[in-house]
Structures are given as structure tokens and as C-alpha cells.
């Protein structure tokens, strides 16, 4: 590894002490990037995805160094979905940079629920067998729910905020019960941002729908 690469890893794995706990820079910046990603998604900006990828890369590096295989695998999946979302949004944005969002159809919602249910069962069983988690089914729901939410987000579906809200409602108590107070606070911030995002995306969809309907009804 060259000198610049070694220096980057030294910075990523270094950090500072806060309330007697060592906080790694990569972990801190990665989680801040995750929060920024949600804030950017509310604004429907394409910067949502590169910021997501940056945070995912940092959290992957931290997970590998800490030998957290499951969390590292989660970051790989999130990175793949973020790359897909970047492509979808770049392809779907209009000339003025606006992303047309909409509620999911009945069939799309059925598929999202089916994927969430089947995925949670499969991952929950895997976590139970491997013993990777003390709360395998809740962890599985958070893991699969995050993936389903990102997929729906990549397609501009307003419903992805609902999935995030439910995931956050599960994530807050499980992290607090694990003694991870900082992570619990982060989940709480995610929850507030997700509620705000659901309101703003719904309002944006209705305004666009009403504007397009008015144009169709206007006399030639």
C-alpha cells in the first residue's frame, strides 16, 4: 500500500475519546453522511447517492477493521443499492433537475411487503443459526427493511419513507436495549427526518399532480 493509502487508513481507524469511549473518525463521518443522505433525499437531489456511497465506504472500512462481518456485508448491499439508485434518479430526473415522485401502486406495495416478509424470515433464520445477533428477528427486519426502503427510494416511491419510519421505530428500542445510546439517538433523528420526508414528498407529488391536471383541463 502506498503512503497516501496508509495515511488514509490511519486517519479512518484513529479517532478521539468521548466519555471514556474511543470514537473512530470513519465511524463518526460515516454516520454523519448517513444522516446527510436522508436530509438530501427529502430535497430529492442527486447528491443523495454519492453522499450515501461515501458514508457506506467509511462504515465498511470500520466494520472490516472491527471484524463485524455482518455489518460489513450490509454496507456492501447498501452500496450496490445506492449505485442503482444513483443510476435510476439520474435517468429519471427532468431537465430542470426535479425528480418525479409518486405513491406506489397496489401491486408495487404488495411486492414490497412480500420482499420485506420473505427477506426477514430468511435473514432472521440465518442470524438465529449463526448466532450473529441476540435479537435475530428484529435485526433481520432492520436489515431487510433498510434494503427494501432503499430500493423503493431508488424508484421515487413515496412509500419508502413509511418503510424507513417502521425500521426506525424498531431500531430505536433495540439499540437502546443494547446500550448503544448514540446509535439510538441517531435512529431517533432518522425517525424525525423520515416523517418530514414523507410529508414533503407527499406534498410535492400532490402539487405536481394538480398542476398537470390543470394543464390538461386548460383550453387549447
C-alpha atoms as a PDB file:
ATOM      1  CA  UNK A   1       0.000   0.000   0.000  1.00  0.00           C
ATOM      2  CA  UNK A   2       1.357   3.431  -0.892  1.00  0.00           C
ATOM      3  CA  UNK A   3       1.951   6.183   1.623  1.00  0.00           C
ATOM      4  CA  UNK A   4      -1.281   8.067   0.900  1.00  0.00           C
ATOM      5  CA  UNK A   5      -3.369   4.899   1.288  1.00  0.00           C
ATOM      6  CA  UNK A   6      -1.718   4.040   4.593  1.00  0.00           C
ATOM      7  CA  UNK A   7      -2.232   7.591   5.816  1.00  0.00           C
ATOM      8  CA  UNK A   8      -5.920   7.428   4.911  1.00  0.00           C
ATOM      9  CA  UNK A   9      -6.401   4.167   6.820  1.00  0.00           C
ATOM     10  CA  UNK A  10      -4.531   5.597   9.809  1.00  0.00           C
ATOM     11  CA  UNK A  11      -6.949   8.537   9.839  1.00  0.00           C
ATOM     12  CA  UNK A  12     -10.008   6.332   9.344  1.00  0.00           C
ATOM     13  CA  UNK A  13      -9.190   3.997  12.209  1.00  0.00           C
ATOM     14  CA  UNK A  14      -7.888   6.724  14.514  1.00  0.00           C
ATOM     15  CA  UNK A  15     -10.224   8.994  16.403  1.00  0.00           C
ATOM     16  CA  UNK A  16     -10.786  10.545  19.796  1.00  0.00           C
ATOM     17  CA  UNK A  17     -12.085   9.669  23.221  1.00  0.00           C
ATOM     18  CA  UNK A  18     -15.564  10.800  24.231  1.00  0.00           C
ATOM     19  CA  UNK A  19     -16.990   9.976  27.671  1.00  0.00           C
ATOM     20  CA  UNK A  20     -14.380   7.256  28.027  1.00  0.00           C
ATOM     21  CA  UNK A  21     -15.211   5.630  24.681  1.00  0.00           C
ATOM     22  CA  UNK A  22     -12.999   5.607  21.589  1.00  0.00           C
ATOM     23  CA  UNK A  23     -14.783   7.128  18.606  1.00  0.00           C
ATOM     24  CA  UNK A  24     -13.258   6.444  15.185  1.00  0.00           C
ATOM     25  CA  UNK A  25     -13.303   9.215  12.634  1.00  0.00           C
ATOM     26  CA  UNK A  26     -14.546   6.882   9.894  1.00  0.00           C
ATOM     27  CA  UNK A  27     -17.422   5.738  12.116  1.00  0.00           C
ATOM     28  CA  UNK A  28     -18.381   9.317  13.028  1.00  0.00           C
ATOM     29  CA  UNK A  29     -18.123  10.713   9.496  1.00  0.00           C
ATOM     30  CA  UNK A  30     -19.860   7.644   8.055  1.00  0.00           C
ATOM     31  CA  UNK A  31     -22.859   8.094  10.354  1.00  0.00           C
ATOM     32  CA  UNK A  32     -22.972  11.842   9.690  1.00  0.00           C
ATOM     33  CA  UNK A  33     -23.009  11.030   5.972  1.00  0.00           C
ATOM     34  CA  UNK A  34     -25.933   8.656   6.600  1.00  0.00           C
ATOM     35  CA  UNK A  35     -27.856  11.473   8.298  1.00  0.00           C
ATOM     36  CA  UNK A  36     -26.963  13.842   5.466  1.00  0.00           C
ATOM     37  CA  UNK A  37     -28.221  11.270   2.983  1.00  0.00           C
ATOM     38  CA  UNK A  38     -31.714  11.356   4.498  1.00  0.00           C
ATOM     39  CA  UNK A  39     -31.733  15.165   4.564  1.00  0.00           C
ATOM     40  CA  UNK A  40     -30.685  15.241   0.899  1.00  0.00           C
ATOM     41  CA  UNK A  41     -33.329  12.650  -0.019  1.00  0.00           C
ATOM     42  CA  UNK A  42     -36.010  14.958   1.380  1.00  0.00           C
ATOM     43  CA  UNK A  43     -34.849  17.565  -1.154  1.00  0.00           C
ATOM     44  CA  UNK A  44     -34.841  14.935  -3.946  1.00  0.00           C
ATOM     45  CA  UNK A  45     -31.321  15.871  -5.002  1.00  0.00           C
ATOM     46  CA  UNK A  46     -28.982  13.563  -6.916  1.00  0.00           C
ATOM     47  CA  UNK A  47     -26.325  14.263  -4.262  1.00  0.00           C
ATOM     48  CA  UNK A  48     -28.245  11.838  -2.046  1.00  0.00           C
ATOM     49  CA  UNK A  49     -26.470   8.890  -3.643  1.00  0.00           C
ATOM     50  CA  UNK A  50     -22.770   9.932  -3.751  1.00  0.00           C
ATOM     51  CA  UNK A  51     -23.034  11.001  -0.115  1.00  0.00           C
ATOM     52  CA  UNK A  52     -24.649   7.621   0.662  1.00  0.00           C
ATOM     53  CA  UNK A  53     -21.788   5.798  -1.080  1.00  0.00           C
ATOM     54  CA  UNK A  54     -19.178   7.826   0.807  1.00  0.00           C
ATOM     55  CA  UNK A  55     -20.731   7.017   4.164  1.00  0.00           C
ATOM     56  CA  UNK A  56     -21.136   3.372   3.222  1.00  0.00           C
ATOM     57  CA  UNK A  57     -17.467   3.090   2.241  1.00  0.00           C
ATOM     58  CA  UNK A  58     -16.353   4.561   5.567  1.00  0.00           C
ATOM     59  CA  UNK A  59     -18.657   2.297   7.603  1.00  0.00           C
ATOM     60  CA  UNK A  60     -17.491  -0.725   5.595  1.00  0.00           C
ATOM     61  CA  UNK A  61     -13.860   0.089   6.429  1.00  0.00           C
ATOM     62  CA  UNK A  62     -14.695   0.408  10.123  1.00  0.00           C
ATOM     63  CA  UNK A  63     -16.699  -2.838  10.134  1.00  0.00           C
ATOM     64  CA  UNK A  64     -13.877  -4.799   8.485  1.00  0.00           C
ATOM     65  CA  UNK A  65     -11.334  -3.447  10.970  1.00  0.00           C
ATOM     66  CA  UNK A  66     -13.651  -4.337  13.860  1.00  0.00           C
ATOM     67  CA  UNK A  67     -14.284  -7.830  12.373  1.00  0.00           C
ATOM     68  CA  UNK A  68     -18.024  -7.158  12.123  1.00  0.00           C
ATOM     69  CA  UNK A  69     -18.679  -9.382   9.122  1.00  0.00           C
ATOM     70  CA  UNK A  70     -22.452  -8.967   9.170  1.00  0.00           C
ATOM     71  CA  UNK A  71     -22.309  -5.194   9.249  1.00  0.00           C
ATOM     72  CA  UNK A  72     -19.651  -5.142   6.537  1.00  0.00           C
ATOM     73  CA  UNK A  73     -21.896  -7.293   4.346  1.00  0.00           C
ATOM     74  CA  UNK A  74     -24.767  -4.895   4.991  1.00  0.00           C
ATOM     75  CA  UNK A  75     -22.630  -1.983   3.753  1.00  0.00           C
ATOM     76  CA  UNK A  76     -21.821  -3.873   0.532  1.00  0.00           C
ATOM     77  CA  UNK A  77     -25.535  -4.403  -0.149  1.00  0.00           C
ATOM     78  CA  UNK A  78     -26.311  -0.773   0.656  1.00  0.00           C
ATOM     79  CA  UNK A  79     -23.530   0.362  -1.695  1.00  0.00           C
ATOM     80  CA  UNK A  80     -24.971  -1.723  -4.530  1.00  0.00           C
ATOM     81  CA  UNK A  81     -28.450  -0.298  -3.936  1.00  0.00           C
ATOM     82  CA  UNK A  82     -27.037   3.235  -3.723  1.00  0.00           C
ATOM     83  CA  UNK A  83     -25.302   2.786  -7.091  1.00  0.00           C
ATOM     84  CA  UNK A  84     -28.594   1.545  -8.558  1.00  0.00           C
ATOM     85  CA  UNK A  85     -30.476   4.461  -7.006  1.00  0.00           C
ATOM     86  CA  UNK A  86     -27.975   6.946  -8.404  1.00  0.00           C
ATOM     87  CA  UNK A  87     -28.478   5.484 -11.872  1.00  0.00           C
ATOM     88  CA  UNK A  88     -32.293   5.491 -11.562  1.00  0.00           C
ATOM     89  CA  UNK A  89     -32.506   9.082 -10.316  1.00  0.00           C
ATOM     90  CA  UNK A  90     -30.042  10.339 -12.922  1.00  0.00           C
ATOM     91  CA  UNK A  91     -32.128   8.660 -15.628  1.00  0.00           C
ATOM     92  CA  UNK A  92     -35.495   9.796 -14.276  1.00  0.00           C
ATOM     93  CA  UNK A  93     -34.824  13.423 -13.431  1.00  0.00           C
ATOM     94  CA  UNK A  94     -36.338  16.046 -15.689  1.00  0.00           C
ATOM     95  CA  UNK A  95     -34.451  18.777 -17.475  1.00  0.00           C
ATOM     96  CA  UNK A  96     -34.986  21.138 -14.539  1.00  0.00           C
ATOM     97  CA  UNK A  97     -33.421  18.621 -12.138  1.00  0.00           C
ATOM     98  CA  UNK A  98     -36.720  17.696 -10.492  1.00  0.00           C
ATOM     99  CA  UNK A  99     -37.382  14.079  -9.559  1.00  0.00           C
ATOM    100  CA  UNK A 100     -40.991  12.982 -10.251  1.00  0.00           C
ATOM    101  CA  UNK A 101     -42.083  11.062  -7.160  1.00  0.00           C
ATOM    102  CA  UNK A 102     -45.323   9.115  -6.709  1.00  0.00           C
ATOM    103  CA  UNK A 103     -47.081   6.693  -4.364  1.00  0.00           C
ATOM    104  CA  UNK A 104     -46.572   3.012  -5.114  1.00  0.00           C
ATOM    105  CA  UNK A 105     -49.331   1.154  -6.919  1.00  0.00           C
ATOM    106  CA  UNK A 106     -51.207  -1.639  -5.163  1.00  0.00           C
ATOM    107  CA  UNK A 107     -49.120  -4.253  -6.966  1.00  0.00           C
ATOM    108  CA  UNK A 108     -45.864  -2.483  -6.066  1.00  0.00           C
ATOM    109  CA  UNK A 109     -46.862  -2.291  -2.404  1.00  0.00           C
ATOM    110  CA  UNK A 110     -47.700  -5.984  -2.411  1.00  0.00           C
ATOM    111  CA  UNK A 111     -44.266  -6.796  -3.825  1.00  0.00           C
ATOM    112  CA  UNK A 112     -42.532  -4.574  -1.261  1.00  0.00           C
ATOM    113  CA  UNK A 113     -44.401  -6.231   1.621  1.00  0.00           C
ATOM    114  CA  UNK A 114     -43.679  -9.692   0.194  1.00  0.00           C
ATOM    115  CA  UNK A 115     -39.971  -8.920  -0.151  1.00  0.00           C
ATOM    116  CA  UNK A 116     -39.860  -7.488   3.372  1.00  0.00           C
ATOM    117  CA  UNK A 117     -41.639 -10.523   4.833  1.00  0.00           C
ATOM    118  CA  UNK A 118     -39.713 -13.212   2.946  1.00  0.00           C
ATOM    119  CA  UNK A 119     -36.400 -11.443   3.426  1.00  0.00           C
ATOM    120  CA  UNK A 120     -36.950 -11.014   7.165  1.00  0.00           C
ATOM    121  CA  UNK A 121     -37.787 -14.712   7.554  1.00  0.00           C
ATOM    122  CA  UNK A 122     -34.704 -15.804   5.597  1.00  0.00           C
ATOM    123  CA  UNK A 123     -32.249 -13.412   7.259  1.00  0.00           C
ATOM    124  CA  UNK A 124     -33.802 -13.956  10.702  1.00  0.00           C
ATOM    125  CA  UNK A 125     -33.316 -17.713  10.321  1.00  0.00           C
ATOM    126  CA  UNK A 126     -29.710 -17.144   9.216  1.00  0.00           C
ATOM    127  CA  UNK A 127     -28.973 -14.867  12.184  1.00  0.00           C
ATOM    128  CA  UNK A 128     -30.572 -17.419  14.522  1.00  0.00           C
ATOM    129  CA  UNK A 129     -28.488 -20.302  13.177  1.00  0.00           C
ATOM    130  CA  UNK A 130     -25.220 -18.378  13.153  1.00  0.00           C
ATOM    131  CA  UNK A 131     -25.806 -16.603  16.462  1.00  0.00           C
ATOM    132  CA  UNK A 132     -24.700 -13.294  14.935  1.00  0.00           C
ATOM    133  CA  UNK A 133     -27.351 -11.360  16.844  1.00  0.00           C
ATOM    134  CA  UNK A 134     -29.005 -11.527  20.260  1.00  0.00           C
ATOM    135  CA  UNK A 135     -32.213 -10.271  18.631  1.00  0.00           C
ATOM    136  CA  UNK A 136     -32.078 -12.055  15.252  1.00  0.00           C
ATOM    137  CA  UNK A 137     -35.620 -11.284  14.070  1.00  0.00           C
ATOM    138  CA  UNK A 138     -35.519  -7.591  14.922  1.00  0.00           C
ATOM    139  CA  UNK A 139     -32.043  -7.287  13.407  1.00  0.00           C
ATOM    140  CA  UNK A 140     -33.264  -9.118  10.309  1.00  0.00           C
ATOM    141  CA  UNK A 141     -36.217  -6.752   9.959  1.00  0.00           C
ATOM    142  CA  UNK A 142     -33.931  -3.716  10.196  1.00  0.00           C
ATOM    143  CA  UNK A 143     -31.501  -5.239   7.694  1.00  0.00           C
ATOM    144  CA  UNK A 144     -34.123  -6.224   5.113  1.00  0.00           C
ATOM    145  CA  UNK A 145     -36.293  -3.170   5.745  1.00  0.00           C
ATOM    146  CA  UNK A 146     -33.352  -0.878   5.022  1.00  0.00           C
ATOM    147  CA  UNK A 147     -32.724  -2.654   1.708  1.00  0.00           C
ATOM    148  CA  UNK A 148     -36.411  -2.565   0.723  1.00  0.00           C
ATOM    149  CA  UNK A 149     -36.645   1.119   1.626  1.00  0.00           C
ATOM    150  CA  UNK A 150     -33.598   1.980  -0.476  1.00  0.00           C
ATOM    151  CA  UNK A 151     -34.968   0.060  -3.444  1.00  0.00           C
ATOM    152  CA  UNK A 152     -38.303   1.917  -3.205  1.00  0.00           C
ATOM    153  CA  UNK A 153     -36.409   5.191  -2.796  1.00  0.00           C
ATOM    154  CA  UNK A 154     -34.424   4.490  -5.966  1.00  0.00           C
ATOM    155  CA  UNK A 155     -37.713   4.256  -7.880  1.00  0.00           C
ATOM    156  CA  UNK A 156     -39.025   7.531  -6.459  1.00  0.00           C
ATOM    157  CA  UNK A 157     -41.825   5.880  -4.439  1.00  0.00           C
ATOM    158  CA  UNK A 158     -43.215   7.982  -1.591  1.00  0.00           C
ATOM    159  CA  UNK A 159     -43.853   4.755   0.320  1.00  0.00           C
ATOM    160  CA  UNK A 160     -40.151   4.282   1.034  1.00  0.00           C
ATOM    161  CA  UNK A 161     -40.454   6.836   3.829  1.00  0.00           C
ATOM    162  CA  UNK A 162     -43.101   4.669   5.504  1.00  0.00           C
ATOM    163  CA  UNK A 163     -40.726   1.696   5.466  1.00  0.00           C
ATOM    164  CA  UNK A 164     -37.959   3.841   6.970  1.00  0.00           C
ATOM    165  CA  UNK A 165     -40.297   5.071   9.703  1.00  0.00           C
ATOM    166  CA  UNK A 166     -41.157   1.494  10.717  1.00  0.00           C
ATOM    167  CA  UNK A 167     -37.483   0.473  10.587  1.00  0.00           C
ATOM    168  CA  UNK A 168     -36.561   3.411  12.819  1.00  0.00           C
ATOM    169  CA  UNK A 169     -39.332   2.528  15.275  1.00  0.00           C
ATOM    170  CA  UNK A 170     -37.752  -0.924  15.617  1.00  0.00           C
ATOM    171  CA  UNK A 171     -34.190   0.381  15.604  1.00  0.00           C
ATOM    172  CA  UNK A 172     -34.632   2.861  18.462  1.00  0.00           C
ATOM    173  CA  UNK A 173     -35.586   0.349  21.191  1.00  0.00           C
ATOM    174  CA  UNK A 174     -33.205  -2.423  20.061  1.00  0.00           C
ATOM    175  CA  UNK A 175     -30.182  -0.110  20.108  1.00  0.00           C
ATOM    176  CA  UNK A 176     -31.142   1.370  23.465  1.00  0.00           C
ATOM    177  CA  UNK A 177     -31.597  -2.136  24.916  1.00  0.00           C
ATOM    178  CA  UNK A 178     -28.120  -2.946  23.580  1.00  0.00           C
ATOM    179  CA  UNK A 179     -26.675   0.036  25.431  1.00  0.00           C
ATOM    180  CA  UNK A 180     -25.860   1.842  22.180  1.00  0.00           C
ATOM    181  CA  UNK A 181     -27.204   5.219  23.186  1.00  0.00           C
ATOM    182  CA  UNK A 182     -25.541   7.156  20.371  1.00  0.00           C
ATOM    183  CA  UNK A 183     -26.994   4.799  17.772  1.00  0.00           C
ATOM    184  CA  UNK A 184     -30.378   5.092  19.466  1.00  0.00           C
ATOM    185  CA  UNK A 185     -30.206   8.867  19.209  1.00  0.00           C
ATOM    186  CA  UNK A 186     -29.223   8.581  15.535  1.00  0.00           C
ATOM    187  CA  UNK A 187     -32.242   6.349  14.899  1.00  0.00           C
ATOM    188  CA  UNK A 188     -34.397   8.966  16.615  1.00  0.00           C
ATOM    189  CA  UNK A 189     -33.055  11.664  14.296  1.00  0.00           C
ATOM    190  CA  UNK A 190     -33.679   9.333  11.332  1.00  0.00           C
ATOM    191  CA  UNK A 191     -37.276   8.932  12.512  1.00  0.00           C
ATOM    192  CA  UNK A 192     -37.886  12.691  12.596  1.00  0.00           C
ATOM    193  CA  UNK A 193     -36.274  13.127   9.180  1.00  0.00           C
ATOM    194  CA  UNK A 194     -38.324  10.255   7.731  1.00  0.00           C
ATOM    195  CA  UNK A 195     -41.598  11.773   8.961  1.00  0.00           C
ATOM    196  CA  UNK A 196     -40.535  15.110   7.443  1.00  0.00           C
ATOM    197  CA  UNK A 197     -39.599  13.372   4.190  1.00  0.00           C
ATOM    198  CA  UNK A 198     -42.953  11.591   3.966  1.00  0.00           C
ATOM    199  CA  UNK A 199     -44.770  14.900   4.404  1.00  0.00           C
ATOM    200  CA  UNK A 200     -42.626  16.763   1.867  1.00  0.00           C
ATOM    201  CA  UNK A 201     -42.648  14.051  -0.814  1.00  0.00           C
ATOM    202  CA  UNK A 202     -46.423  13.623  -0.466  1.00  0.00           C
ATOM    203  CA  UNK A 203     -46.924  17.381  -0.780  1.00  0.00           C
ATOM    204  CA  UNK A 204     -44.610  17.538  -3.799  1.00  0.00           C
ATOM    205  CA  UNK A 205     -46.472  14.697  -5.533  1.00  0.00           C
ATOM    206  CA  UNK A 206     -49.879  16.286  -4.945  1.00  0.00           C
ATOM    207  CA  UNK A 207     -48.745  19.692  -6.206  1.00  0.00           C
ATOM    208  CA  UNK A 208     -47.303  18.155  -9.370  1.00  0.00           C
ATOM    209  CA  UNK A 209     -50.410  16.033  -9.900  1.00  0.00           C
ATOM    210  CA  UNK A 210     -52.725  19.034  -9.510  1.00  0.00           C
ATOM    211  CA  UNK A 211     -50.558  21.165 -11.783  1.00  0.00           C
ATOM    212  CA  UNK A 212     -50.548  18.543 -14.526  1.00  0.00           C
ATOM    213  CA  UNK A 213     -54.316  18.057 -14.184  1.00  0.00           C
ATOM    214  CA  UNK A 214     -54.864  21.803 -14.514  1.00  0.00           C
ATOM    215  CA  UNK A 215     -52.763  21.889 -17.689  1.00  0.00           C
ATOM    216  CA  UNK A 216     -54.818  19.068 -19.208  1.00  0.00           C
ATOM    217  CA  UNK A 217     -58.089  20.836 -18.397  1.00  0.00           C
ATOM    218  CA  UNK A 218     -56.936  24.215 -19.688  1.00  0.00           C
ATOM    219  CA  UNK A 219     -58.466  25.266 -23.026  1.00  0.00           C
ATOM    220  CA  UNK A 220     -56.200  24.926 -26.028  1.00  0.00           C
END
